[in-house]
């Protein structure tokens, strides 16, 4: 089920690395040939329960030198150390090799690419607390381009690392600190599983969750949400709830996502076909909302090498439409990685960076520990 949707999502994200022209002229056959691993899946040894107590297995954590999640554009500063929430962030896929089904945990290129994602995505949360972002043996892009059973095994292996990291995170931040959960794309998928497996089964943990940002991944309101332990965020100051959006410019064509989504079953066991997706407007913090560009507090415009960015307010509007996609009007020029169908998946966070930051601040201020979601 997850693999089928990842096939489409990874093919889209792949364009940001492999290049849109190669995809346009040669299609999925070339991508599969280049990126689907040639070896048989090799079972990954399960990470020992204490292994993520070592700061070297984290891309970001409070005591990590050179923490990429502490980056901010001009005019912003990270919040004070040791205060606010503890943020668990799951980065999107950054491993593109066909050498293995799962990324080696210490692969330098993979981890450098993941650090770039943290700068443009996780950094939105550094004003409200300390960010923890684990390395994990993520499934390679090629695993998402095949129906082979090895692909499903790779996804499950990646998720086991995320589970182990999350358990270590909970031990290290203590039993009372408020928690924000966030992720993007493949990281968003793993976050849906964490919500289903950990938050939905542990009421005490659920009462600590300020909000869960499942960005760049579809969540069915009827077939997924009832099993994820938290409701959808309907209002701007609501806490203990889930936010989710997928960004498209006009004219939008989300058919690749919809066609695959409609062939899968949700966490309830019911078909996702025809069901609406959770759509949070990040400009308003409300469900199914609409807002003009003047409500956008700041969009990140990255440099050519993606190592830094400037921030500009008032450039991008947003409105939830149709099945639950976030429409952003005419295509903004935020970089070269716009995907087929005017899909702004790569920019789901950076389009609304300053509003996401304000949203987290608002929800944390409204949070009351121990209150049932």
Foldseek 3Di string as FASTA:
>chain_A
DVLLLLLLLLVQQVCVPPNPVCCVPPNLVVLLVFFAAPDFADADPFDDLCPLVDVVQWLFWLPDPPRLLQADAPPDGFADAPDAAEEEEEEAFQARHNNHQWADSPDVNSSVSSSLRSNQFSNLARNGYGYTYGRFRAGHSSLSNDPDPSSVSRLVRRLSRVVSNVSSVDVVVDQFGAYEYEYASSRLVSLLVCQLPPQLVDQQNLLRYLEYESEHDWAFQPFAQVRRNADDQAALQDGSHYAYAWEFEPPFDPPSNLVSQQVDGYPNRHGSHPTATFAAFLLGRHTQAWDAQQSQPWAWQADPVSPGTHIDGSDWIWGADDSGHIYTYHQDPRDDSQGPRRTPRSRRCRRRSNSSSVSSVSSSVSRDRPDGD
